[in-house]
Amino acid sequence: MEKHSNETLLCLKKLSVNNKSKIGQANESVNYVSSDFEVTFEDILLTLHCRNAQDAAKLFGVYLYHRGLLCSYEKGSNPKIVSVMSVDMNVKFNTWYHKKSDVSVEFIVEAIYTKMVCGYCKVFP
């Protein structure tokens, strides 16, 4: 599975650029809020453009899964802690994968720490 991690990383970077342009266009007609998020795990850093920190953590979970680093939720494994930062906050997420079927994987993220830089908190859907 690790052989797909470089391809996944490139795809996530392209997706982030694509999201930035599409969400930017949508901002003109629909009230979307989106930001750049720096997502880190150990020595891995990736900047993603997403609607919120939770989406950024889930996308990064896809990469960790393809690197073979993410643990299974249903096996009771310890999560990987992913840090997501933006200009106004730093959130840490417990991150796992859940295999729904042989061909379907879901990524589970649980916020465990939030630090607001500007003194207010965003609500995640």
C-alpha atoms as a PDB file:
ATOM      1  CA  MET A   1       0.000   0.000   0.000  1.00  0.00           C
ATOM      2  CA  GLU A   2       2.909   2.354   0.690  1.00  0.00           C
ATOM      3  CA  LYS A   3       3.740   2.480  -3.018  1.00  0.00           C
ATOM      4  CA  HIS A   4       0.584   4.540  -3.543  1.00  0.00           C
ATOM      5  CA  SER A   5       1.529   7.165  -0.962  1.00  0.00           C
ATOM      6  CA  ASN A   6       3.509   9.374  -3.364  1.00  0.00           C
ATOM      7  CA  GLU A   7       0.676   9.288  -5.898  1.00  0.00           C
ATOM      8  CA  THR A   8      -1.801  10.102  -3.131  1.00  0.00           C
ATOM      9  CA  LEU A   9       0.333  13.037  -1.983  1.00  0.00           C
ATOM     10  CA  LEU A  10       0.464  14.459  -5.518  1.00  0.00           C
ATOM     11  CA  CYS A  11      -3.295  13.996  -5.942  1.00  0.00           C
ATOM     12  CA  LEU A  12      -4.034  15.747  -2.636  1.00  0.00           C
ATOM     13  CA  LYS A  13      -1.856  18.696  -3.663  1.00  0.00           C
ATOM     14  CA  LYS A  14      -3.675  18.957  -7.015  1.00  0.00           C
ATOM     15  CA  LEU A  15      -7.051  18.587  -5.305  1.00  0.00           C
ATOM     16  CA  SER A  16      -6.164  21.353  -2.882  1.00  0.00           C
ATOM     17  CA  VAL A  17      -5.221  23.733  -5.723  1.00  0.00           C
ATOM     18  CA  ASN A  18      -8.412  22.773  -7.550  1.00  0.00           C
ATOM     19  CA  ASN A  19     -10.490  23.303  -4.376  1.00  0.00           C
ATOM     20  CA  LYS A  20      -8.931  26.718  -3.898  1.00  0.00           C
ATOM     21  CA  SER A  21      -9.935  27.875  -7.370  1.00  0.00           C
ATOM     22  CA  LYS A  22     -13.408  26.303  -7.295  1.00  0.00           C
ATOM     23  CA  ILE A  23     -14.238  27.420  -3.765  1.00  0.00           C
ATOM     24  CA  GLY A  24     -12.916  30.868  -4.664  1.00  0.00           C
ATOM     25  CA  GLN A  25     -15.331  30.988  -7.608  1.00  0.00           C
ATOM     26  CA  ALA A  26     -18.173  29.670  -5.454  1.00  0.00           C
ATOM     27  CA  ASN A  27     -17.484  32.378  -2.866  1.00  0.00           C
ATOM     28  CA  GLU A  28     -18.829  34.924  -5.337  1.00  0.00           C
ATOM     29  CA  SER A  29     -22.288  33.311  -5.507  1.00  0.00           C
ATOM     30  CA  VAL A  30     -22.509  31.182  -2.351  1.00  0.00           C
ATOM     31  CA  ASN A  31     -21.321  31.997   1.153  1.00  0.00           C
ATOM     32  CA  TYR A  32     -18.537  29.374   1.463  1.00  0.00           C
ATOM     33  CA  VAL A  33     -15.747  29.869   3.945  1.00  0.00           C
ATOM     34  CA  SER A  34     -12.495  28.115   3.184  1.00  0.00           C
ATOM     35  CA  SER A  35      -8.893  28.415   4.275  1.00  0.00           C
ATOM     36  CA  ASP A  36      -5.422  27.045   3.835  1.00  0.00           C
ATOM     37  CA  PHE A  37      -4.546  24.540   6.545  1.00  0.00           C
ATOM     38  CA  GLU A  38      -1.090  23.207   7.355  1.00  0.00           C
ATOM     39  CA  VAL A  39      -1.502  19.568   8.318  1.00  0.00           C
ATOM     40  CA  THR A  40       1.318  17.727  10.052  1.00  0.00           C
ATOM     41  CA  PHE A  41       2.080  14.273  11.372  1.00  0.00           C
ATOM     42  CA  GLU A  42       5.587  13.578  12.672  1.00  0.00           C
ATOM     43  CA  ASP A  43       7.889  15.004   9.950  1.00  0.00           C
ATOM     44  CA  ILE A  44       5.219  15.131   7.217  1.00  0.00           C
ATOM     45  CA  LEU A  45       3.770  18.558   6.329  1.00  0.00           C
ATOM     46  CA  LEU A  46       1.091  19.262   3.734  1.00  0.00           C
ATOM     47  CA  THR A  47      -0.851  22.445   3.000  1.00  0.00           C
ATOM     48  CA  LEU A  48      -4.476  21.780   2.037  1.00  0.00           C
ATOM     49  CA  HIS A  49      -7.226  24.199   1.040  1.00  0.00           C
ATOM     50  CA  CYS A  50     -10.458  23.008   2.683  1.00  0.00           C
ATOM     51  CA  ARG A  51     -13.698  24.246   4.186  1.00  0.00           C
ATOM     52  CA  ASN A  52     -12.595  23.423   7.731  1.00  0.00           C
ATOM     53  CA  ALA A  53      -9.914  21.758   9.837  1.00  0.00           C
ATOM     54  CA  GLN A  54     -11.894  18.530  10.082  1.00  0.00           C
ATOM     55  CA  ASP A  55     -11.959  18.144   6.268  1.00  0.00           C
ATOM     56  CA  ALA A  56      -8.200  18.811   6.153  1.00  0.00           C
ATOM     57  CA  ALA A  57      -7.563  16.103   8.778  1.00  0.00           C
ATOM     58  CA  LYS A  58      -9.699  13.589   6.859  1.00  0.00           C
ATOM     59  CA  LEU A  59      -7.909  14.294   3.574  1.00  0.00           C
ATOM     60  CA  PHE A  60      -4.559  13.903   5.312  1.00  0.00           C
ATOM     61  CA  GLY A  61      -5.873  10.614   6.719  1.00  0.00           C
ATOM     62  CA  VAL A  62      -6.156   9.337   3.140  1.00  0.00           C
ATOM     63  CA  TYR A  63      -2.422   9.949   2.701  1.00  0.00           C
ATOM     64  CA  LEU A  64      -1.523   8.297   6.024  1.00  0.00           C
ATOM     65  CA  TYR A  65      -3.704   5.318   5.096  1.00  0.00           C
ATOM     66  CA  HIS A  66      -1.882   4.881   1.779  1.00  0.00           C
ATOM     67  CA  ARG A  67       1.471   5.127   3.577  1.00  0.00           C
ATOM     68  CA  GLY A  68       0.349   2.307   5.840  1.00  0.00           C
ATOM     69  CA  LEU A  69       0.585   4.501   8.937  1.00  0.00           C
ATOM     70  CA  LEU A  70      -3.079   4.887   9.893  1.00  0.00           C
ATOM     71  CA  CYS A  71      -4.598   2.462  12.405  1.00  0.00           C
ATOM     72  CA  SER A  72      -7.958   0.708  12.256  1.00  0.00           C
ATOM     73  CA  TYR A  73     -10.777   2.115  14.400  1.00  0.00           C
ATOM     74  CA  GLU A  74     -12.645  -1.177  14.745  1.00  0.00           C
ATOM     75  CA  LYS A  75      -9.566  -3.000  16.034  1.00  0.00           C
ATOM     76  CA  GLY A  76      -9.305  -0.567  18.947  1.00  0.00           C
ATOM     77  CA  SER A  77      -5.913   0.614  17.750  1.00  0.00           C
ATOM     78  CA  ASN A  78      -4.324   3.795  19.038  1.00  0.00           C
ATOM     79  CA  PRO A  79      -5.046   6.731  16.735  1.00  0.00           C
ATOM     80  CA  LYS A  80      -2.477   8.802  14.922  1.00  0.00           C
ATOM     81  CA  ILE A  81      -2.518  12.414  16.124  1.00  0.00           C
ATOM     82  CA  VAL A  82      -2.700  14.878  13.253  1.00  0.00           C
ATOM     83  CA  SER A  83      -2.160  18.601  13.832  1.00  0.00           C
ATOM     84  CA  VAL A  84      -4.099  21.073  11.680  1.00  0.00           C
ATOM     85  CA  MET A  85      -3.149  24.756  11.767  1.00  0.00           C
ATOM     86  CA  SER A  86      -4.572  27.863  10.154  1.00  0.00           C
ATOM     87  CA  VAL A  87      -4.034  31.561  10.793  1.00  0.00           C
ATOM     88  CA  ASP A  88      -6.514  31.560  13.675  1.00  0.00           C
ATOM     89  CA  MET A  89      -6.330  28.101  15.239  1.00  0.00           C
ATOM     90  CA  ASN A  90      -4.442  24.909  15.920  1.00  0.00           C
ATOM     91  CA  VAL A  91      -6.466  21.695  16.256  1.00  0.00           C
ATOM     92  CA  LYS A  92      -5.189  18.200  17.012  1.00  0.00           C
ATOM     93  CA  PHE A  93      -7.217  15.246  15.801  1.00  0.00           C
ATOM     94  CA  ASN A  94      -7.176  11.568  16.707  1.00  0.00           C
ATOM     95  CA  THR A  95      -7.301   9.918  13.279  1.00  0.00           C
ATOM     96  CA  TRP A  96      -8.240   6.361  12.255  1.00  0.00           C
ATOM     97  CA  TYR A  97      -9.669   4.531   9.296  1.00  0.00           C
ATOM     98  CA  HIS A  98     -12.772   2.344   9.284  1.00  0.00           C
ATOM     99  CA  LYS A  99     -13.113  -0.295   6.572  1.00  0.00           C
ATOM    100  CA  LYS A 100     -16.781  -0.273   5.550  1.00  0.00           C
ATOM    101  CA  SER A 101     -16.334  -3.042   2.970  1.00  0.00           C
ATOM    102  CA  ASP A 102     -13.598  -4.579   0.826  1.00  0.00           C
ATOM    103  CA  VAL A 103     -13.627  -1.503  -1.417  1.00  0.00           C
ATOM    104  CA  SER A 104     -14.790   1.294   0.899  1.00  0.00           C
ATOM    105  CA  VAL A 105     -12.804   3.068   3.625  1.00  0.00           C
ATOM    106  CA  GLU A 106     -14.025   5.878   5.862  1.00  0.00           C
ATOM    107  CA  PHE A 107     -11.761   8.227   7.798  1.00  0.00           C
ATOM    108  CA  ILE A 108     -12.642   9.089  11.378  1.00  0.00           C
ATOM    109  CA  VAL A 109     -11.279  12.220  13.042  1.00  0.00           C
ATOM    110  CA  GLU A 110     -11.918  13.358  16.607  1.00  0.00           C
ATOM    111  CA  ALA A 111     -10.817  16.805  17.789  1.00  0.00           C
ATOM    112  CA  ILE A 112      -8.850  16.438  21.016  1.00  0.00           C
ATOM    113  CA  TYR A 113      -7.251  19.870  21.363  1.00  0.00           C
ATOM    114  CA  THR A 114      -8.089  23.308  20.037  1.00  0.00           C
ATOM    115  CA  LYS A 115      -6.155  26.518  20.531  1.00  0.00           C
ATOM    116  CA  MET A 116      -7.709  29.687  19.200  1.00  0.00           C
ATOM    117  CA  VAL A 117      -5.227  32.342  18.190  1.00  0.00           C
ATOM    118  CA  CYS A 118      -7.775  35.166  17.869  1.00  0.00           C
ATOM    119  CA  GLY A 119      -9.913  34.249  20.871  1.00  0.00           C
ATOM    120  CA  TYR A 120     -12.941  32.798  19.100  1.00  0.00           C
ATOM    121  CA  CYS A 121     -13.959  29.308  18.078  1.00  0.00           C
ATOM    122  CA  LYS A 122     -15.276  28.099  14.749  1.00  0.00           C
ATOM    123  CA  VAL A 123     -18.053  25.525  14.771  1.00  0.00           C
ATOM    124  CA  PHE A 124     -17.473  22.435  12.653  1.00  0.00           C
ATOM    125  CA  PRO A 125     -20.445  20.810  10.922  1.00  0.00           C
END
